[in-house]
Amino acid sequence: MKKQKQPPAKSTDTGLPPEVREGQSIELLKELHILTRDGKLNQDSRRKLKQVYHLFNFIEPLLKELPDKGRGATLADHGAGKSYLGFIVYDLFFKAQETGQGGHIYGVETRAELVERSTELAGRLGFGRMSFLNVSAADAATDAALPERIDIVTALHACDTATDDAIAFGLEKKARAMVIVPCCQAEVASVLRGQKALQLARTPLAELWRHPLHTREMGSQLTNVLRCLYLEACGYTVTVTELVGWEHSMKNELIVARYTGQRKRSAAQRLHALLDQFGLQSLAAERYARAPMPEAASVEDAAPAAAE
């Protein structure tokens, strides 16, 4: 009688935690301190892994929507830190691609020691299509080490205006999609705080940010609303949802933008209306330079950019 072939061992069969996916690099998970040296997963690491997995579940379909189902895709991860996200995405998606297919992940990080550590780890694991750049998100768009076009831009908890810089990078690189999880946001709150007395005299809406705690919360909410409108004005469809449950992270808002080339006139108009309403006009030139002014929006709307 012919012996039946046994199915591949799953994590539960190998003594590994059930969260570990089949085919994942155990050495990688240990090097990232997600698994302990004896293959265990503590509560803090379990939360971190769940967060990265959940984000990967949004990124993977975007990669598969690309030509040739993402073979040869380029992805830039801003505020990479220890590159948990980049390494997990490479391990679960890019690793299976053949070397000649050209897919590549670029980690953008300002801390030189983390860039050096990630570069060394990628080399040791044989992750040959990963590069790490010691450069800010603001300067990355003009860095010669990055290609002219990037397919997917990610930013997981890039602090304050680094998220805006990642969005500007994606626009410059004509990204087909962006996956953004904002972190702390202080710029808008600072502007609101600086003109609080004037706004209180002008409109009762200023009561929404009169108290310091409300100023911070209002600034954070308004920042992400403006970002979404900006992306829509620049030709992207935008979805906003939770990344994971609030018990796992308080920085939980996930913005997913897909490029269509159809600039929304109404988004540009509302963006500028909000900047005027909240006294944020000083941010328009630096943060929202690609959003058409309301009087010019009809021209942009009549001739949408072609999706590339």
Protein backbone atom coordinates (compact mmCIF):
# COMPACT_ATOMS: atom_id res chain seq x y z
CA MET A 1 0.00 0.00 0.00
CA LYS A 2 1.33 3.41 -1.00
CA LYS A 3 2.28 5.57 1.96
CA GLN A 4 0.35 8.81 2.11
CA LYS A 5 2.35 12.03 2.09
CA GLN A 6 2.07 13.90 5.37
CA PRO A 7 1.05 17.60 5.25
CA PRO A 8 3.66 20.18 6.24
CA ALA A 9 4.00 20.71 9.97
CA LYS A 10 2.15 23.71 11.32
CA SER A 11 3.25 25.90 14.19
CA THR A 12 1.13 23.94 16.65
CA ASP A 13 2.89 20.74 15.53
CA THR A 14 6.35 22.22 16.05
CA GLY A 15 5.74 23.65 19.50
CA LEU A 16 5.65 27.21 18.14
CA PRO A 17 2.87 29.63 19.08
CA PRO A 18 -0.18 29.38 16.77
CA GLU A 19 0.33 33.02 15.72
CA VAL A 20 3.45 32.05 13.77
CA ARG A 21 2.50 31.50 10.15
CA GLU A 22 3.60 28.53 8.14
CA GLY A 23 6.87 29.12 6.31
CA GLN A 24 7.91 32.13 8.38
CA SER A 25 11.55 32.56 9.31
CA ILE A 26 11.86 31.59 12.96
CA GLU A 27 15.33 33.12 13.06
CA LEU A 28 13.86 36.45 11.93
CA LEU A 29 11.17 36.41 14.61
CA LYS A 30 13.80 35.70 17.24
CA GLU A 31 16.13 38.41 15.95
CA LEU A 32 13.27 40.90 16.11
CA HIS A 33 12.64 39.72 19.69
CA ILE A 34 9.11 38.72 18.79
CA LEU A 35 9.91 35.13 19.75
CA THR A 36 12.11 34.32 22.71
CA ARG A 37 15.17 32.13 22.16
CA ASP A 38 13.13 29.07 23.13
CA GLY A 39 10.39 29.95 20.66
CA LYS A 40 7.86 31.48 23.03
CA LEU A 41 5.71 34.56 22.54
CA ASN A 42 5.09 36.94 25.43
CA GLN A 43 2.03 39.18 25.71
CA ASP A 44 3.76 42.35 24.50
CA SER A 45 5.23 40.57 21.46
CA ARG A 46 1.86 38.98 20.72
CA ARG A 47 0.26 42.43 20.52
CA LYS A 48 3.07 43.71 18.30
CA LEU A 49 2.87 40.70 15.98
CA LYS A 50 -0.91 40.97 15.73
CA GLN A 51 -0.60 44.63 14.75
CA VAL A 52 1.98 43.93 12.02
CA TYR A 53 0.04 40.92 10.71
CA HIS A 54 -3.13 42.96 10.52
CA LEU A 55 -1.34 45.69 8.59
CA PHE A 56 0.12 43.07 6.25
CA ASN A 57 -3.44 41.89 5.56
CA PHE A 58 -4.11 45.34 4.09
CA ILE A 59 -0.81 45.53 2.22
CA GLU A 60 -0.87 42.09 0.58
CA PRO A 61 -4.00 42.73 -1.56
CA LEU A 62 -2.50 46.03 -2.73
CA LEU A 63 0.65 44.19 -3.81
CA LYS A 64 -1.39 41.56 -5.64
CA GLU A 65 -3.33 44.28 -7.48
CA LEU A 66 -0.08 45.43 -9.10
CA PRO A 67 1.00 44.16 -12.53
CA ASP A 68 2.07 40.51 -12.51
CA LYS A 69 0.47 40.14 -9.06
CA GLY A 70 3.17 42.18 -7.36
CA ARG A 71 6.21 40.42 -8.73
CA GLY A 72 8.79 43.14 -9.08
CA ALA A 73 6.92 45.49 -6.72
CA THR A 74 8.77 48.23 -4.86
CA LEU A 75 7.78 49.25 -1.35
CA ALA A 76 9.16 52.09 0.79
CA ASP A 77 8.59 51.90 4.54
CA HIS A 78 8.97 55.29 6.25
CA GLY A 79 9.93 55.67 9.90
CA ALA A 80 11.04 52.05 9.67
CA GLY A 81 12.59 51.88 13.14
CA LYS A 82 13.70 48.28 13.68
CA SER A 83 11.87 47.41 10.44
CA TYR A 84 9.41 44.97 11.96
CA LEU A 85 6.94 45.73 9.19
CA GLY A 86 9.45 45.62 6.34
CA PHE A 87 10.96 42.32 7.46
CA ILE A 88 7.57 40.66 7.99
CA VAL A 89 6.29 41.84 4.58
CA TYR A 90 9.48 40.57 2.93
CA ASP A 91 9.28 37.24 4.75
CA LEU A 92 5.60 36.65 3.90
CA PHE A 93 5.50 38.04 0.35
CA PHE A 94 8.80 39.08 -1.28
CA LYS A 95 10.87 36.11 -0.12
CA ALA A 96 9.00 33.70 -2.39
CA GLN A 97 9.85 35.75 -5.49
CA GLU A 98 12.83 34.81 -7.58
CA THR A 99 15.85 37.08 -7.38
CA GLY A 100 15.61 38.26 -10.97
CA GLN A 101 12.04 39.52 -10.60
CA GLY A 102 13.23 42.80 -9.12
CA GLY A 103 10.90 43.27 -6.14
CA HIS A 104 12.49 45.41 -3.43
CA ILE A 105 11.74 46.89 0.00
CA TYR A 106 13.37 50.15 1.10
CA GLY A 107 13.44 51.04 4.79
CA VAL A 108 13.70 54.78 5.48
CA GLU A 109 15.01 55.62 8.96
CA THR A 110 16.91 58.54 10.54
CA ARG A 111 18.67 56.57 13.29
CA ALA A 112 21.95 55.29 11.87
CA GLU A 113 22.33 52.47 14.40
CA LEU A 114 18.95 50.98 13.42
CA VAL A 115 19.79 51.24 9.72
CA GLU A 116 23.09 49.45 10.34
CA ARG A 117 21.44 46.74 12.44
CA SER A 118 18.68 46.12 9.87
CA THR A 119 21.20 45.99 7.00
CA GLU A 120 23.27 43.41 8.87
CA LEU A 121 20.20 41.30 9.71
CA ALA A 122 18.91 41.34 6.12
CA GLY A 123 22.32 40.17 4.91
CA ARG A 124 22.47 37.39 7.48
CA LEU A 125 18.99 36.13 6.58
CA GLY A 126 19.64 36.29 2.84
CA PHE A 127 16.98 38.94 2.29
CA GLY A 128 18.89 40.35 -0.66
CA ARG A 129 16.18 42.68 -1.94
CA MET A 130 15.99 44.85 1.17
CA SER A 131 17.83 48.18 1.50
CA PHE A 132 17.93 50.57 4.44
CA LEU A 133 18.58 54.27 4.07
CA ASN A 134 19.76 56.62 6.79
CA VAL A 135 17.67 59.56 5.57
CA SER A 136 14.62 61.51 6.69
CA ALA A 137 11.24 61.03 5.05
CA ALA A 138 11.43 64.65 3.86
CA ASP A 139 14.74 64.04 2.03
CA ALA A 140 14.00 60.54 0.77
CA ALA A 141 12.19 61.70 -2.39
CA THR A 142 15.39 63.17 -3.80
CA ASP A 143 17.75 60.44 -2.57
CA ALA A 144 19.53 58.79 -5.51
CA ALA A 145 19.45 55.40 -3.78
CA LEU A 146 15.69 55.19 -4.35
CA PRO A 147 14.10 54.50 -7.75
CA GLU A 148 12.02 57.12 -9.58
CA ARG A 149 8.84 55.14 -8.99
CA ILE A 150 7.68 53.38 -5.81
CA ASP A 151 4.58 51.18 -5.94
CA ILE A 152 3.59 51.06 -2.26
CA VAL A 153 4.40 53.53 0.51
CA THR A 154 3.92 52.55 4.15
CA ALA A 155 4.35 54.55 7.34
CA LEU A 156 3.63 52.79 10.64
CA HIS A 157 3.67 55.33 13.47
CA ALA A 158 5.96 57.83 11.73
CA CYS A 159 5.98 60.65 14.26
CA ASP A 160 4.20 63.97 13.71
CA THR A 161 5.06 65.57 10.35
CA ALA A 162 7.06 62.51 9.22
CA THR A 163 3.70 61.06 8.19
CA ASP A 164 3.06 64.14 6.02
CA ASP A 165 6.56 63.74 4.56
CA ALA A 166 5.78 60.10 3.75
CA ILE A 167 2.61 61.19 1.94
CA ALA A 168 4.58 63.86 0.03
CA PHE A 169 7.12 61.15 -0.87
CA GLY A 170 4.35 58.92 -2.18
CA LEU A 171 2.95 61.72 -4.31
CA GLU A 172 6.39 62.54 -5.71
CA LYS A 173 7.09 58.86 -6.46
CA LYS A 174 3.62 58.37 -8.03
CA ALA A 175 2.82 55.58 -5.58
CA ARG A 176 -0.01 53.31 -6.61
CA ALA A 177 -1.04 52.94 -2.97
CA MET A 178 -0.21 54.27 0.49
CA VAL A 179 -0.83 52.58 3.83
CA ILE A 180 -0.50 55.04 6.69
CA VAL A 181 -0.88 54.61 10.47
CA PRO A 182 -0.29 58.09 11.94
CA CYS A 183 1.45 58.59 15.25
CA CYS A 184 1.70 61.66 17.48
CA GLN A 185 0.62 64.85 15.71
CA ALA A 186 1.66 68.22 17.11
CA GLU A 187 1.91 70.66 14.20
CA VAL A 188 -1.78 71.53 13.78
CA ALA A 189 -2.34 71.56 17.55
CA SER A 190 0.53 74.05 17.88
CA VAL A 191 -1.09 76.41 15.37
CA LEU A 192 -4.49 76.08 17.06
CA ARG A 193 -2.91 76.79 20.44
CA GLY A 194 -1.08 79.86 19.17
CA GLN A 195 -4.22 81.63 18.03
CA LYS A 196 -6.73 80.31 20.55
CA ALA A 197 -7.73 83.72 21.94
CA LEU A 198 -8.37 85.13 18.46
CA GLN A 199 -10.46 82.13 17.44
CA LEU A 200 -12.49 82.19 20.68
CA ALA A 201 -13.45 85.78 19.89
CA ARG A 202 -14.32 84.90 16.29
CA THR A 203 -16.28 81.65 16.50
CA PRO A 204 -17.89 79.36 19.11
CA LEU A 205 -16.25 76.43 17.28
CA ALA A 206 -13.04 77.35 19.10
CA GLU A 207 -14.60 75.82 22.22
CA LEU A 208 -13.74 72.49 20.60
CA TRP A 209 -10.07 73.11 21.39
CA ARG A 210 -10.13 75.63 24.25
CA HIS A 211 -8.82 73.18 26.85
CA PRO A 212 -5.26 71.83 26.34
CA LEU A 213 -6.35 68.19 26.19
CA HIS A 214 -8.99 69.04 23.58
CA THR A 215 -6.42 71.07 21.62
CA ARG A 216 -4.24 67.98 21.27
CA GLU A 217 -7.14 65.71 20.38
CA MET A 218 -8.69 68.20 17.97
CA GLY A 219 -5.32 68.80 16.33
CA SER A 220 -4.85 65.06 15.82
CA GLN A 221 -8.32 64.54 14.38
CA LEU A 222 -8.10 67.57 12.10
CA THR A 223 -4.63 66.57 10.87
CA ASN A 224 -5.86 63.20 9.62
CA VAL A 225 -9.01 64.69 8.05
CA LEU A 226 -6.83 67.15 6.13
CA ARG A 227 -4.50 64.34 5.04
CA CYS A 228 -7.42 62.34 3.64
CA LEU A 229 -8.80 65.33 1.76
CA TYR A 230 -5.34 66.07 0.40
CA LEU A 231 -4.96 62.53 -0.92
CA GLU A 232 -8.39 62.67 -2.55
CA ALA A 233 -7.54 66.04 -4.11
CA CYS A 234 -4.38 64.44 -5.53
CA GLY A 235 -6.16 61.55 -7.22
CA TYR A 236 -6.52 58.81 -4.58
CA THR A 237 -9.51 57.02 -3.15
CA VAL A 238 -9.23 56.86 0.63
CA THR A 239 -10.47 54.41 3.25
CA VAL A 240 -10.11 55.07 6.97
CA THR A 241 -10.53 52.29 9.50
CA GLU A 242 -9.11 50.84 12.73
CA LEU A 243 -5.85 48.94 12.55
CA VAL A 244 -6.42 46.72 15.57
CA GLY A 245 -8.51 46.87 18.72
CA TRP A 246 -7.87 49.77 21.11
CA GLU A 247 -6.60 47.30 23.69
CA HIS A 248 -3.56 46.72 21.46
CA SER A 249 -2.68 50.31 20.53
CA MET A 250 -4.08 53.80 21.08
CA LYS A 251 -2.48 54.93 17.80
CA ASN A 252 -4.97 52.98 15.83
CA GLU A 253 -6.15 54.93 12.78
CA LEU A 254 -5.36 53.32 9.44
CA ILE A 255 -5.49 55.32 6.20
CA VAL A 256 -5.39 53.30 2.96
CA ALA A 257 -5.14 55.29 -0.28
CA ARG A 258 -5.34 53.85 -3.81
CA TYR A 259 -4.33 55.90 -6.84
CA THR A 260 -7.04 56.39 -9.48
CA GLY A 261 -5.88 59.62 -11.14
CA GLN A 262 -9.28 61.24 -10.53
CA ARG A 263 -8.67 64.45 -8.59
CA LYS A 264 -11.68 65.41 -6.50
CA ARG A 265 -12.60 69.06 -6.81
CA SER A 266 -14.82 68.87 -3.73
CA ALA A 267 -11.95 67.50 -1.64
CA ALA A 268 -9.72 70.41 -2.65
CA GLN A 269 -12.47 72.90 -1.86
CA ARG A 270 -13.18 71.37 1.54
CA LEU A 271 -9.48 71.18 2.36
CA HIS A 272 -9.03 74.90 1.80
CA ALA A 273 -12.31 75.69 3.55
CA LEU A 274 -11.13 73.85 6.67
CA LEU A 275 -7.75 75.58 6.58
CA ASP A 276 -9.58 78.91 6.47
CA GLN A 277 -12.13 77.95 9.12
CA PHE A 278 -9.51 76.82 11.63
CA GLY A 279 -6.92 79.48 10.87
CA LEU A 280 -4.45 77.02 9.38
CA GLN A 281 -3.70 78.84 6.13
CA SER A 282 -0.01 79.02 7.10
CA LEU A 283 0.25 75.25 6.52
CA ALA A 284 -1.19 75.29 2.99
CA ALA A 285 1.99 75.97 1.01
CA GLU A 286 4.19 73.45 2.83
CA ARG A 287 1.78 70.61 3.61
CA TYR A 288 -0.80 70.76 0.83
CA ALA A 289 1.10 72.25 -2.08
CA ARG A 290 -0.25 69.75 -4.64
CA ALA A 291 -3.89 70.38 -3.76
CA PRO A 292 -5.43 72.68 -6.36
CA MET A 293 -6.83 75.96 -5.10
CA PRO A 294 -10.65 76.10 -5.31
CA GLU A 295 -10.67 78.49 -8.26
CA ALA A 296 -8.40 76.15 -10.25
CA ALA A 297 -10.01 72.91 -9.13
CA SER A 298 -12.48 72.76 -12.02
CA VAL A 299 -9.59 72.60 -14.49
CA GLU A 300 -7.94 69.76 -12.60
CA ASP A 301 -11.24 67.93 -12.23
CA ALA A 302 -12.00 68.20 -15.93
CA ALA A 303 -8.69 66.59 -16.88
CA PRO A 304 -7.80 63.90 -14.34
CA ALA A 305 -4.31 62.46 -14.37
CA ALA A 306 -4.12 59.11 -16.10
CA ALA A 307 -3.43 56.17 -13.81
CA GLU A 308 -0.02 54.82 -14.63
